[in-house]
């Protein structure tokens, strides 16, 4: 798998495969983009408002279940461990849900003293 991973920034996703176009989160275009077979992952920033900058990124990946269907999961490396959080089907991948998970990961990171 070559190429760059799509990145969410300020409620917009920019997919290098769709040069020049950005898709706003929580719109019909966003949910349609999530369902496209070539959309398999994207990166979401973990912003720390106390520090005023992004402290890392979580990777959101589409996975296939054995009994069929697809769902999304969040991955984040914290030290030597990889944390996985289930998101659900594409309809559950909303700005609010992504920010909630980013906040959980941010809290875990600051509780452990960074990284």
PDB file of N, CA and C in Angstrom:
ATOM      1  N   UNK A   1       0.829  -1.180   0.000  1.00  0.00           N
ATOM      2  CA  UNK A   1       0.000   0.000   0.000  1.00  0.00           C
ATOM      3  C   UNK A   1       0.872   1.241   0.000  1.00  0.00           C
ATOM      4  N   UNK A   2       0.927   1.920  -1.104  1.00  0.00           N
ATOM      5  CA  UNK A   2       1.713   3.128  -1.171  1.00  0.00           C
ATOM      6  C   UNK A   2       0.819   4.344  -1.051  1.00  0.00           C
ATOM      7  N   UNK A   3       1.447   5.491  -1.113  1.00  0.00           N
ATOM      8  CA  UNK A   3       0.685   6.723  -1.082  1.00  0.00           C
ATOM      9  C   UNK A   3       0.457   7.247   0.306  1.00  0.00           C
ATOM     10  N   UNK A   4      -0.188   8.380   0.326  1.00  0.00           N
ATOM     11  CA  UNK A   4      -0.462   9.048   1.591  1.00  0.00           C
ATOM     12  C   UNK A   4      -1.834   8.671   2.111  1.00  0.00           C
ATOM     13  N   UNK A   5      -1.961   8.729   3.417  1.00  0.00           N
ATOM     14  CA  UNK A   5      -3.223   8.434   4.075  1.00  0.00           C
ATOM     15  C   UNK A   5      -4.066   9.717   4.142  1.00  0.00           C
ATOM     16  N   UNK A   6      -5.375   9.624   3.904  1.00  0.00           N
ATOM     17  CA  UNK A   6      -6.235  10.799   4.061  1.00  0.00           C
ATOM     18  C   UNK A   6      -6.170  11.314   5.506  1.00  0.00           C
ATOM     19  N   UNK A   7      -6.250  12.637   5.666  1.00  0.00           N
ATOM     20  CA  UNK A   7      -6.130  13.260   6.981  1.00  0.00           C
ATOM     21  C   UNK A   7      -7.320  14.171   7.234  1.00  0.00           C
ATOM     22  N   UNK A   8      -7.860  14.091   8.460  1.00  0.00           N
ATOM     23  CA  UNK A   8      -8.926  14.992   8.885  1.00  0.00           C
ATOM     24  C   UNK A   8      -8.276  16.216   9.509  1.00  0.00           C
ATOM     25  N   UNK A   9      -8.758  17.394   9.125  1.00  0.00           N
ATOM     26  CA  UNK A   9      -8.269  18.647   9.679  1.00  0.00           C
ATOM     27  C   UNK A   9      -9.419  19.648   9.685  1.00  0.00           C
ATOM     28  N   UNK A  10      -9.704  20.188  10.869  1.00  0.00           N
ATOM     29  CA  UNK A  10     -10.743  21.223  11.006  1.00  0.00           C
ATOM     30  C   UNK A  10     -12.062  20.799  10.373  1.00  0.00           C
ATOM     31  N   UNK A  11     -12.525  19.619  10.683  1.00  0.00           N
ATOM     32  CA  UNK A  11     -13.804  19.063  10.236  1.00  0.00           C
ATOM     33  C   UNK A  11     -13.875  18.773   8.744  1.00  0.00           C
ATOM     34  N   UNK A  12     -12.727  18.654   8.106  1.00  0.00           N
ATOM     35  CA  UNK A  12     -12.659  18.310   6.696  1.00  0.00           C
ATOM     36  C   UNK A  12     -11.669  17.178   6.518  1.00  0.00           C
ATOM     37  N   UNK A  13     -11.966  16.258   5.608  1.00  0.00           N
ATOM     38  CA  UNK A  13     -10.992  15.222   5.266  1.00  0.00           C
ATOM     39  C   UNK A  13     -10.434  15.556   3.890  1.00  0.00           C
ATOM     40  N   UNK A  14      -9.132  15.427   3.803  1.00  0.00           N
ATOM     41  CA  UNK A  14      -8.448  15.639   2.531  1.00  0.00           C
ATOM     42  C   UNK A  14      -7.828  14.317   2.120  1.00  0.00           C
ATOM     43  N   UNK A  15      -8.324  13.803   1.004  1.00  0.00           N
ATOM     44  CA  UNK A  15      -7.871  12.515   0.492  1.00  0.00           C
ATOM     45  C   UNK A  15      -6.940  12.762  -0.683  1.00  0.00           C
ATOM     46  N   UNK A  16      -5.669  12.364  -0.569  1.00  0.00           N
ATOM     47  CA  UNK A  16      -4.732  12.568  -1.682  1.00  0.00           C
ATOM     48  C   UNK A  16      -5.209  11.930  -2.987  1.00  0.00           C
ATOM     49  N   UNK A  17      -6.052  10.905  -2.906  1.00  0.00           N
ATOM     50  CA  UNK A  17      -6.573  10.255  -4.111  1.00  0.00           C
ATOM     51  C   UNK A  17      -7.587  11.140  -4.836  1.00  0.00           C
ATOM     52  N   UNK A  18      -8.110  12.144  -4.133  1.00  0.00           N
ATOM     53  CA  UNK A  18      -9.069  13.075  -4.727  1.00  0.00           C
ATOM     54  C   UNK A  18      -8.478  14.482  -4.653  1.00  0.00           C
ATOM     55  N   UNK A  19      -7.459  14.695  -5.423  1.00  0.00           N
ATOM     56  CA  UNK A  19      -6.695  15.944  -5.372  1.00  0.00           C
ATOM     57  C   UNK A  19      -7.589  17.172  -5.454  1.00  0.00           C
ATOM     58  N   UNK A  20      -7.317  18.106  -4.555  1.00  0.00           N
ATOM     59  CA  UNK A  20      -8.024  19.382  -4.589  1.00  0.00           C
ATOM     60  C   UNK A  20      -9.397  19.378  -3.949  1.00  0.00           C
ATOM     61  N   UNK A  21      -9.889  18.223  -3.554  1.00  0.00           N
ATOM     62  CA  UNK A  21     -11.226  18.159  -2.961  1.00  0.00           C
ATOM     63  C   UNK A  21     -11.116  17.840  -1.481  1.00  0.00           C
ATOM     64  N   UNK A  22     -11.971  18.483  -0.713  1.00  0.00           N
ATOM     65  CA  UNK A  22     -12.076  18.176   0.709  1.00  0.00           C
ATOM     66  C   UNK A  22     -13.540  17.856   0.997  1.00  0.00           C
ATOM     67  N   UNK A  23     -13.752  16.945   1.923  1.00  0.00           N
ATOM     68  CA  UNK A  23     -15.107  16.521   2.265  1.00  0.00           C
ATOM     69  C   UNK A  23     -15.360  16.887   3.714  1.00  0.00           C
ATOM     70  N   UNK A  24     -16.460  17.568   3.968  1.00  0.00           N
ATOM     71  CA  UNK A  24     -16.825  17.967   5.326  1.00  0.00           C
ATOM     72  C   UNK A  24     -17.395  16.772   6.081  1.00  0.00           C
ATOM     73  N   UNK A  25     -16.954  16.590   7.318  1.00  0.00           N
ATOM     74  CA  UNK A  25     -17.445  15.498   8.156  1.00  0.00           C
ATOM     75  C   UNK A  25     -18.941  15.662   8.425  1.00  0.00           C
ATOM     76  N   UNK A  26     -19.601  14.546   8.655  1.00  0.00           N
ATOM     77  CA  UNK A  26     -21.025  14.475   9.007  1.00  0.00           C
ATOM     78  C   UNK A  26     -21.966  14.944   7.902  1.00  0.00           C
ATOM     79  N   UNK A  27     -21.502  14.945   6.667  1.00  0.00           N
ATOM     80  CA  UNK A  27     -22.361  15.286   5.536  1.00  0.00           C
ATOM     81  C   UNK A  27     -22.640  14.010   4.743  1.00  0.00           C
ATOM     82  N   UNK A  28     -23.633  14.022   3.879  1.00  0.00           N
ATOM     83  CA  UNK A  28     -23.865  12.840   3.039  1.00  0.00           C
ATOM     84  C   UNK A  28     -22.620  12.442   2.236  1.00  0.00           C
ATOM     85  N   UNK A  29     -21.832  13.427   1.780  1.00  0.00           N
ATOM     86  CA  UNK A  29     -20.605  13.124   1.032  1.00  0.00           C
ATOM     87  C   UNK A  29     -19.597  12.387   1.917  1.00  0.00           C
ATOM     88  N   UNK A  30     -19.528  12.732   3.196  1.00  0.00           N
ATOM     89  CA  UNK A  30     -18.636  12.067   4.157  1.00  0.00           C
ATOM     90  C   UNK A  30     -19.015  10.598   4.304  1.00  0.00           C
ATOM     91  N   UNK A  31     -20.294  10.342   4.556  1.00  0.00           N
ATOM     92  CA  UNK A  31     -20.739   8.961   4.748  1.00  0.00           C
ATOM     93  C   UNK A  31     -20.604   8.144   3.463  1.00  0.00           C
ATOM     94  N   UNK A  32     -20.812   8.783   2.316  1.00  0.00           N
ATOM     95  CA  UNK A  32     -20.607   8.099   1.029  1.00  0.00           C
ATOM     96  C   UNK A  32     -19.132   7.770   0.847  1.00  0.00           C
ATOM     97  N   UNK A  33     -18.244   8.700   1.207  1.00  0.00           N
ATOM     98  CA  UNK A  33     -16.796   8.474   1.095  1.00  0.00           C
ATOM     99  C   UNK A  33     -16.362   7.305   1.978  1.00  0.00           C
ATOM    100  N   UNK A  34     -16.922   7.207   3.176  1.00  0.00           N
ATOM    101  CA  UNK A  34     -16.586   6.111   4.079  1.00  0.00           C
ATOM    102  C   UNK A  34     -16.971   4.751   3.493  1.00  0.00           C
ATOM    103  N   UNK A  35     -18.021   4.713   2.702  1.00  0.00           N
ATOM    104  CA  UNK A  35     -18.522   3.459   2.130  1.00  0.00           C
ATOM    105  C   UNK A  35     -17.781   3.026   0.862  1.00  0.00           C
ATOM    106  N   UNK A  36     -17.036   3.925   0.246  1.00  0.00           N
ATOM    107  CA  UNK A  36     -16.305   3.589  -0.979  1.00  0.00           C
ATOM    108  C   UNK A  36     -15.289   2.485  -0.665  1.00  0.00           C
ATOM    109  N   UNK A  37     -15.237   1.430  -1.488  1.00  0.00           N
ATOM    110  CA  UNK A  37     -14.311   0.319  -1.220  1.00  0.00           C
ATOM    111  C   UNK A  37     -12.840   0.724  -1.098  1.00  0.00           C
ATOM    112  N   UNK A  38     -12.426   1.782  -1.788  1.00  0.00           N
ATOM    113  CA  UNK A  38     -11.024   2.197  -1.712  1.00  0.00           C
ATOM    114  C   UNK A  38     -10.713   3.025  -0.457  1.00  0.00           C
ATOM    115  N   UNK A  39     -11.743   3.454   0.254  1.00  0.00           N
ATOM    116  CA  UNK A  39     -11.526   4.159   1.514  1.00  0.00           C
ATOM    117  C   UNK A  39     -11.344   3.099   2.592  1.00  0.00           C
ATOM    118  N   UNK A  40     -10.103   2.927   3.032  1.00  0.00           N
ATOM    119  CA  UNK A  40      -9.820   1.880   4.017  1.00  0.00           C
ATOM    120  C   UNK A  40      -9.249   2.431   5.324  1.00  0.00           C
ATOM    121  N   UNK A  41      -8.803   3.693   5.291  1.00  0.00           N
ATOM    122  CA  UNK A  41      -8.237   4.270   6.508  1.00  0.00           C
ATOM    123  C   UNK A  41      -8.113   5.777   6.353  1.00  0.00           C
ATOM    124  N   UNK A  42      -8.010   6.442   7.499  1.00  0.00           N
ATOM    125  CA  UNK A  42      -7.696   7.858   7.525  1.00  0.00           C
ATOM    126  C   UNK A  42      -7.105   8.199   8.884  1.00  0.00           C
ATOM    127  N   UNK A  43      -6.513   9.362   8.969  1.00  0.00           N
ATOM    128  CA  UNK A  43      -5.845   9.802  10.184  1.00  0.00           C
ATOM    129  C   UNK A  43      -6.647  10.934  10.817  1.00  0.00           C
ATOM    130  N   UNK A  44      -6.754  10.909  12.154  1.00  0.00           N
ATOM    131  CA  UNK A  44      -7.512  11.933  12.885  1.00  0.00           C
ATOM    132  C   UNK A  44      -6.614  12.511  13.979  1.00  0.00           C
ATOM    133  N   UNK A  45      -6.520  13.845  14.087  1.00  0.00           N
ATOM    134  CA  UNK A  45      -5.614  14.448  15.064  1.00  0.00           C
ATOM    135  C   UNK A  45      -6.133  14.359  16.502  1.00  0.00           C
ATOM    136  N   UNK A  46      -5.195  14.250  17.422  1.00  0.00           N
ATOM    137  CA  UNK A  46      -5.512  14.314  18.847  1.00  0.00           C
ATOM    138  C   UNK A  46      -4.980  15.660  19.324  1.00  0.00           C
ATOM    139  N   UNK A  47      -5.887  16.587  19.545  1.00  0.00           N
ATOM    140  CA  UNK A  47      -5.541  17.960  19.889  1.00  0.00           C
ATOM    141  C   UNK A  47      -5.637  18.158  21.393  1.00  0.00           C
ATOM    142  N   UNK A  48      -4.615  18.753  21.980  1.00  0.00           N
ATOM    143  CA  UNK A  48      -4.613  19.064  23.412  1.00  0.00           C
ATOM    144  C   UNK A  48      -4.818  20.567  23.559  1.00  0.00           C
ATOM    145  N   UNK A  49      -6.013  20.968  23.968  1.00  0.00           N
ATOM    146  CA  UNK A  49      -6.331  22.394  24.058  1.00  0.00           C
ATOM    147  C   UNK A  49      -5.520  23.096  25.145  1.00  0.00           C
ATOM    148  N   UNK A  50      -5.105  22.369  26.178  1.00  0.00           N
ATOM    149  CA  UNK A  50      -4.290  22.986  27.232  1.00  0.00           C
ATOM    150  C   UNK A  50      -2.913  23.374  26.700  1.00  0.00           C
ATOM    151  N   UNK A  51      -2.366  22.536  25.838  1.00  0.00           N
ATOM    152  CA  UNK A  51      -1.054  22.832  25.265  1.00  0.00           C
ATOM    153  C   UNK A  51      -1.161  23.661  23.982  1.00  0.00           C
ATOM    154  N   UNK A  52      -2.338  23.578  23.345  1.00  0.00           N
ATOM    155  CA  UNK A  52      -2.579  24.382  22.152  1.00  0.00           C
ATOM    156  C   UNK A  52      -2.064  23.787  20.857  1.00  0.00           C
ATOM    157  N   UNK A  53      -1.808  22.477  20.849  1.00  0.00           N
ATOM    158  CA  UNK A  53      -1.344  21.867  19.613  1.00  0.00           C
ATOM    159  C   UNK A  53      -1.716  20.385  19.556  1.00  0.00           C
ATOM    160  N   UNK A  54      -1.513  19.801  18.383  1.00  0.00           N
ATOM    161  CA  UNK A  54      -1.791  18.388  18.159  1.00  0.00           C
ATOM    162  C   UNK A  54      -0.689  17.571  18.821  1.00  0.00           C
ATOM    163  N   UNK A  55      -1.085  16.604  19.643  1.00  0.00           N
ATOM    164  CA  UNK A  55      -0.089  15.782  20.347  1.00  0.00           C
ATOM    165  C   UNK A  55       0.097  14.420  19.691  1.00  0.00           C
ATOM    166  N   UNK A  56      -0.647  14.166  18.645  1.00  0.00           N
ATOM    167  CA  UNK A  56      -0.512  12.906  17.928  1.00  0.00           C
ATOM    168  C   UNK A  56      -1.697  12.666  17.017  1.00  0.00           C
ATOM    169  N   UNK A  57      -1.731  11.490  16.446  1.00  0.00           N
ATOM    170  CA  UNK A  57      -2.810  11.113  15.536  1.00  0.00           C
ATOM    171  C   UNK A  57      -3.291   9.710  15.868  1.00  0.00           C
ATOM    172  N   UNK A  58      -4.555   9.466  15.600  1.00  0.00           N
ATOM    173  CA  UNK A  58      -5.084   8.107  15.679  1.00  0.00           C
ATOM    174  C   UNK A  58      -5.421   7.691  14.254  1.00  0.00           C
ATOM    175  N   UNK A  59      -5.248   6.422  13.975  1.00  0.00           N
ATOM    176  CA  UNK A  59      -5.571   5.888  12.658  1.00  0.00           C
ATOM    177  C   UNK A  59      -6.917   5.195  12.743  1.00  0.00           C
ATOM    178  N   UNK A  60      -7.803   5.525  11.832  1.00  0.00           N
ATOM    179  CA  UNK A  60      -9.134   4.920  11.773  1.00  0.00           C
ATOM    180  C   UNK A  60      -9.140   4.003  10.559  1.00  0.00           C
ATOM    181  N   UNK A  61      -9.416   2.710  10.808  1.00  0.00           N
ATOM    182  CA  UNK A  61      -9.337   1.720   9.728  1.00  0.00           C
ATOM    183  C   UNK A  61     -10.652   0.972   9.560  1.00  0.00           C
ATOM    184  N   UNK A  62     -10.940   0.676   8.299  1.00  0.00           N
ATOM    185  CA  UNK A  62     -12.107  -0.137   7.959  1.00  0.00           C
ATOM    186  C   UNK A  62     -11.683  -1.594   7.998  1.00  0.00           C
ATOM    187  N   UNK A  63     -12.463  -2.416   8.680  1.00  0.00           N
ATOM    188  CA  UNK A  63     -12.147  -3.839   8.796  1.00  0.00           C
ATOM    189  C   UNK A  63     -13.360  -4.667   8.403  1.00  0.00           C
ATOM    190  N   UNK A  64     -13.080  -5.850   7.948  1.00  0.00           N
ATOM    191  CA  UNK A  64     -14.141  -6.768   7.513  1.00  0.00           C
ATOM    192  C   UNK A  64     -14.360  -7.829   8.584  1.00  0.00           C
ATOM    193  N   UNK A  65     -15.615  -8.088   8.873  1.00  0.00           N
ATOM    194  CA  UNK A  65     -15.962  -9.144   9.826  1.00  0.00           C
ATOM    195  C   UNK A  65     -16.062 -10.478   9.110  1.00  0.00           C
ATOM    196  N   UNK A  66     -15.846 -11.551   9.862  1.00  0.00           N
ATOM    197  CA  UNK A  66     -15.924 -12.895   9.278  1.00  0.00           C
ATOM    198  C   UNK A  66     -17.310 -13.189   8.721  1.00  0.00           C
ATOM    199  N   UNK A  67     -18.332 -12.733   9.410  1.00  0.00           N
ATOM    200  CA  UNK A  67     -19.707 -13.003   8.966  1.00  0.00           C
ATOM    201  C   UNK A  67     -20.206 -11.980   7.957  1.00  0.00           C
ATOM    202  N   UNK A  68     -19.312 -11.220   7.416  1.00  0.00           N
ATOM    203  CA  UNK A  68     -19.698 -10.221   6.419  1.00  0.00           C
ATOM    204  C   UNK A  68     -19.854  -8.849   7.042  1.00  0.00           C
ATOM    205  N   UNK A  69     -19.907  -7.873   6.203  1.00  0.00           N
ATOM    206  CA  UNK A  69     -20.046  -6.507   6.674  1.00  0.00           C
ATOM    207  C   UNK A  69     -18.713  -5.891   7.043  1.00  0.00           C
ATOM    208  N   UNK A  70     -18.730  -4.601   7.183  1.00  0.00           N
ATOM    209  CA  UNK A  70     -17.514  -3.875   7.522  1.00  0.00           C
ATOM    210  C   UNK A  70     -17.799  -2.956   8.697  1.00  0.00           C
ATOM    211  N   UNK A  71     -16.756  -2.693   9.446  1.00  0.00           N
ATOM    212  CA  UNK A  71     -16.868  -1.746  10.541  1.00  0.00           C
ATOM    213  C   UNK A  71     -15.568  -0.967  10.652  1.00  0.00           C
ATOM    214  N   UNK A  72     -15.604   0.098  11.429  1.00  0.00           N
ATOM    215  CA  UNK A  72     -14.451   0.965  11.616  1.00  0.00           C
ATOM    216  C   UNK A  72     -13.911   0.816  13.024  1.00  0.00           C
ATOM    217  N   UNK A  73     -12.591   0.909  13.144  1.00  0.00           N
ATOM    218  CA  UNK A  73     -11.926   0.840  14.444  1.00  0.00           C
ATOM    219  C   UNK A  73     -10.809   1.873  14.477  1.00  0.00           C
ATOM    220  N   UNK A  74     -10.540   2.375  15.681  1.00  0.00           N
ATOM    221  CA  UNK A  74      -9.471   3.347  15.895  1.00  0.00           C
ATOM    222  C   UNK A  74      -8.264   2.632  16.480  1.00  0.00           C
ATOM    223  N   UNK A  75      -7.090   2.966  15.979  1.00  0.00           N
ATOM    224  CA  UNK A  75      -5.834   2.429  16.503  1.00  0.00           C
ATOM    225  C   UNK A  75      -4.938   3.592  16.916  1.00  0.00           C
ATOM    226  N   UNK A  76      -4.245   3.396  18.042  1.00  0.00           N
ATOM    227  CA  UNK A  76      -3.290   4.405  18.514  1.00  0.00           C
ATOM    228  C   UNK A  76      -2.192   3.701  19.288  1.00  0.00           C
ATOM    229  N   UNK A  77      -0.972   3.918  18.892  1.00  0.00           N
ATOM    230  CA  UNK A  77       0.171   3.364  19.629  1.00  0.00           C
ATOM    231  C   UNK A  77       0.453   4.274  20.812  1.00  0.00           C
ATOM    232  N   UNK A  78       0.551   3.660  21.980  1.00  0.00           N
ATOM    233  CA  UNK A  78       0.907   4.399  23.186  1.00  0.00           C
ATOM    234  C   UNK A  78       2.041   3.633  23.865  1.00  0.00           C
ATOM    235  N   UNK A  79       3.247   4.148  23.665  1.00  0.00           N
ATOM    236  CA  UNK A  79       4.415   3.436  24.152  1.00  0.00           C
ATOM    237  C   UNK A  79       4.626   2.196  23.304  1.00  0.00           C
ATOM    238  N   UNK A  80       4.692   1.041  23.955  1.00  0.00           N
ATOM    239  CA  UNK A  80       4.891  -0.216  23.232  1.00  0.00           C
ATOM    240  C   UNK A  80       3.572  -0.920  22.939  1.00  0.00           C
ATOM    241  N   UNK A  81       2.477  -0.365  23.418  1.00  0.00           N
ATOM    242  CA  UNK A  81       1.166  -0.997  23.231  1.00  0.00           C
ATOM    243  C   UNK A  81       0.358  -0.305  22.149  1.00  0.00           C
ATOM    244  N   UNK A  82      -0.500  -1.082  21.516  1.00  0.00           N
ATOM    245  CA  UNK A  82      -1.424  -0.533  20.536  1.00  0.00           C
ATOM    246  C   UNK A  82      -2.827  -0.649  21.115  1.00  0.00           C
ATOM    247  N   UNK A  83      -3.505   0.471  21.159  1.00  0.00           N
ATOM    248  CA  UNK A  83      -4.864   0.523  21.687  1.00  0.00           C
ATOM    249  C   UNK A  83      -5.830   0.464  20.499  1.00  0.00           C
ATOM    250  N   UNK A  84      -6.853  -0.385  20.603  1.00  0.00           N
ATOM    251  CA  UNK A  84      -7.874  -0.489  19.561  1.00  0.00           C
ATOM    252  C   UNK A  84      -9.224  -0.177  20.191  1.00  0.00           C
ATOM    253  N   UNK A  85      -9.983   0.713  19.540  1.00  0.00           N
ATOM    254  CA  UNK A  85     -11.318   1.082  20.004  1.00  0.00           C
ATOM    255  C   UNK A  85     -12.290   0.892  18.849  1.00  0.00           C
ATOM    256  N   UNK A  86     -13.327   0.135  19.094  1.00  0.00           N
ATOM    257  CA  UNK A  86     -14.353  -0.139  18.087  1.00  0.00           C
ATOM    258  C   UNK A  86     -15.199   1.111  17.851  1.00  0.00           C
ATOM    259  N   UNK A  87     -15.414   1.456  16.592  1.00  0.00           N
ATOM    260  CA  UNK A  87     -16.262   2.590  16.225  1.00  0.00           C
ATOM    261  C   UNK A  87     -17.638   2.144  15.748  1.00  0.00           C
ATOM    262  N   UNK A  88     -17.681   1.141  14.901  1.00  0.00           N
ATOM    263  CA  UNK A  88     -18.949   0.681  14.353  1.00  0.00           C
ATOM    264  C   UNK A  88     -19.009   0.864  12.851  1.00  0.00           C
ATOM    265  N   UNK A  89     -20.197   0.763  12.329  1.00  0.00           N
ATOM    266  CA  UNK A  89     -20.400   0.936  10.886  1.00  0.00           C
ATOM    267  C   UNK A  89     -20.171   2.395  10.496  1.00  0.00           C
ATOM    268  N   UNK A  90     -20.157   2.652   9.226  1.00  0.00           N
ATOM    269  CA  UNK A  90     -19.864   3.998   8.717  1.00  0.00           C
ATOM    270  C   UNK A  90     -20.791   5.062   9.284  1.00  0.00           C
ATOM    271  N   UNK A  91     -22.036   4.727   9.527  1.00  0.00           N
ATOM    272  CA  UNK A  91     -22.985   5.710  10.063  1.00  0.00           C
ATOM    273  C   UNK A  91     -22.620   6.166  11.474  1.00  0.00           C
ATOM    274  N   UNK A  92     -21.780   5.397  12.171  1.00  0.00           N
ATOM    275  CA  UNK A  92     -21.354   5.759  13.530  1.00  0.00           C
ATOM    276  C   UNK A  92     -20.093   6.615  13.539  1.00  0.00           C
ATOM    277  N   UNK A  93     -19.471   6.785  12.386  1.00  0.00           N
ATOM    278  CA  UNK A  93     -18.216   7.544  12.310  1.00  0.00           C
ATOM    279  C   UNK A  93     -18.566   9.016  12.109  1.00  0.00           C
ATOM    280  N   UNK A  94     -18.820   9.685  13.218  1.00  0.00           N
ATOM    281  CA  UNK A  94     -19.202  11.094  13.206  1.00  0.00           C
ATOM    282  C   UNK A  94     -18.113  11.933  13.867  1.00  0.00           C
ATOM    283  N   UNK A  95     -18.172  13.235  13.637  1.00  0.00           N
ATOM    284  CA  UNK A  95     -17.225  14.160  14.252  1.00  0.00           C
ATOM    285  C   UNK A  95     -17.283  14.036  15.782  1.00  0.00           C
ATOM    286  N   UNK A  96     -18.470  13.960  16.337  1.00  0.00           N
ATOM    287  CA  UNK A  96     -18.631  13.855  17.788  1.00  0.00           C
ATOM    288  C   UNK A  96     -17.996  12.579  18.318  1.00  0.00           C
ATOM    289  N   UNK A  97     -18.250  11.460  17.659  1.00  0.00           N
ATOM    290  CA  UNK A  97     -17.694  10.176  18.109  1.00  0.00           C
ATOM    291  C   UNK A  97     -16.172  10.165  17.989  1.00  0.00           C
ATOM    292  N   UNK A  98     -15.648  10.691  16.900  1.00  0.00           N
ATOM    293  CA  UNK A  98     -14.194  10.743  16.721  1.00  0.00           C
ATOM    294  C   UNK A  98     -13.551  11.623  17.785  1.00  0.00           C
ATOM    295  N   UNK A  99     -14.163  12.763  18.086  1.00  0.00           N
ATOM    296  CA  UNK A  99     -13.607  13.656  19.108  1.00  0.00           C
ATOM    297  C   UNK A  99     -13.684  13.031  20.493  1.00  0.00           C
ATOM    298  N   UNK A 100     -14.739  12.281  20.776  1.00  0.00           N
ATOM    299  CA  UNK A 100     -14.863  11.586  22.062  1.00  0.00           C
ATOM    300  C   UNK A 100     -13.735  10.576  22.235  1.00  0.00           C
ATOM    301  N   UNK A 101     -13.458   9.815  21.197  1.00  0.00           N
ATOM    302  CA  UNK A 101     -12.380   8.821  21.258  1.00  0.00           C
ATOM    303  C   UNK A 101     -11.024   9.512  21.360  1.00  0.00           C
ATOM    304  N   UNK A 102     -10.833  10.603  20.608  1.00  0.00           N
ATOM    305  CA  UNK A 102      -9.578  11.352  20.701  1.00  0.00           C
ATOM    306  C   UNK A 102      -9.371  11.865  22.129  1.00  0.00           C
ATOM    307  N   UNK A 103     -10.438  12.310  22.778  1.00  0.00           N
ATOM    308  CA  UNK A 103     -10.347  12.788  24.161  1.00  0.00           C
ATOM    309  C   UNK A 103      -9.963  11.647  25.110  1.00  0.00           C
ATOM    310  N   UNK A 104     -10.530  10.460  24.890  1.00  0.00           N
ATOM    311  CA  UNK A 104     -10.172   9.296  25.711  1.00  0.00           C
ATOM    312  C   UNK A 104      -8.689   8.968  25.557  1.00  0.00           C
ATOM    313  N   UNK A 105      -8.211   8.978  24.329  1.00  0.00           N
ATOM    314  CA  UNK A 105      -6.805   8.677  24.074  1.00  0.00           C
ATOM    315  C   UNK A 105      -5.893   9.762  24.639  1.00  0.00           C
ATOM    316  N   UNK A 106      -6.327  11.014  24.543  1.00  0.00           N
ATOM    317  CA  UNK A 106      -5.559  12.128  25.095  1.00  0.00           C
ATOM    318  C   UNK A 106      -5.442  11.976  26.610  1.00  0.00           C
ATOM    319  N   UNK A 107      -6.533  11.602  27.275  1.00  0.00           N
ATOM    320  CA  UNK A 107      -6.539  11.405  28.722  1.00  0.00           C
ATOM    321  C   UNK A 107      -5.605  10.261  29.099  1.00  0.00           C
ATOM    322  N   UNK A 108      -5.664   9.161  28.381  1.00  0.00           N
ATOM    323  CA  UNK A 108      -4.764   8.035  28.650  1.00  0.00           C
ATOM    324  C   UNK A 108      -3.304   8.449  28.517  1.00  0.00           C
ATOM    325  N   UNK A 109      -3.033   9.247  27.488  1.00  0.00           N
ATOM    326  CA  UNK A 109      -1.658   9.677  27.246  1.00  0.00           C
ATOM    327  C   UNK A 109      -1.158  10.579  28.367  1.00  0.00           C
ATOM    328  N   UNK A 110      -1.964  11.533  28.808  1.00  0.00           N
ATOM    329  CA  UNK A 110      -1.517  12.453  29.857  1.00  0.00           C
ATOM    330  C   UNK A 110      -1.442  11.756  31.205  1.00  0.00           C
ATOM    331  N   UNK A 111      -2.291  10.736  31.444  1.00  0.00           N
ATOM    332  CA  UNK A 111      -2.224   9.985  32.693  1.00  0.00           C
ATOM    333  C   UNK A 111      -0.911   9.203  32.791  1.00  0.00           C
ATOM    334  N   UNK A 112      -0.405   8.765  31.641  1.00  0.00           N
ATOM    335  CA  UNK A 112       0.822   7.964  31.637  1.00  0.00           C
ATOM    336  C   UNK A 112       2.064   8.832  31.476  1.00  0.00           C
ATOM    337  N   UNK A 113       1.868  10.149  31.463  1.00  0.00           N
ATOM    338  CA  UNK A 113       3.014  11.031  31.390  1.00  0.00           C
ATOM    339  C   UNK A 113       3.535  11.277  30.002  1.00  0.00           C
ATOM    340  N   UNK A 114       2.643  11.232  29.021  1.00  0.00           N
ATOM    341  CA  UNK A 114       3.052  11.519  27.636  1.00  0.00           C
ATOM    342  C   UNK A 114       3.370  10.277  26.853  1.00  0.00           C
ATOM    343  N   UNK A 115       3.480  10.498  25.577  1.00  0.00           N
ATOM    344  CA  UNK A 115       3.775   9.486  24.561  1.00  0.00           C
ATOM    345  C   UNK A 115       3.052   8.239  24.877  1.00  0.00           C
TER     346      UNK A 115
END
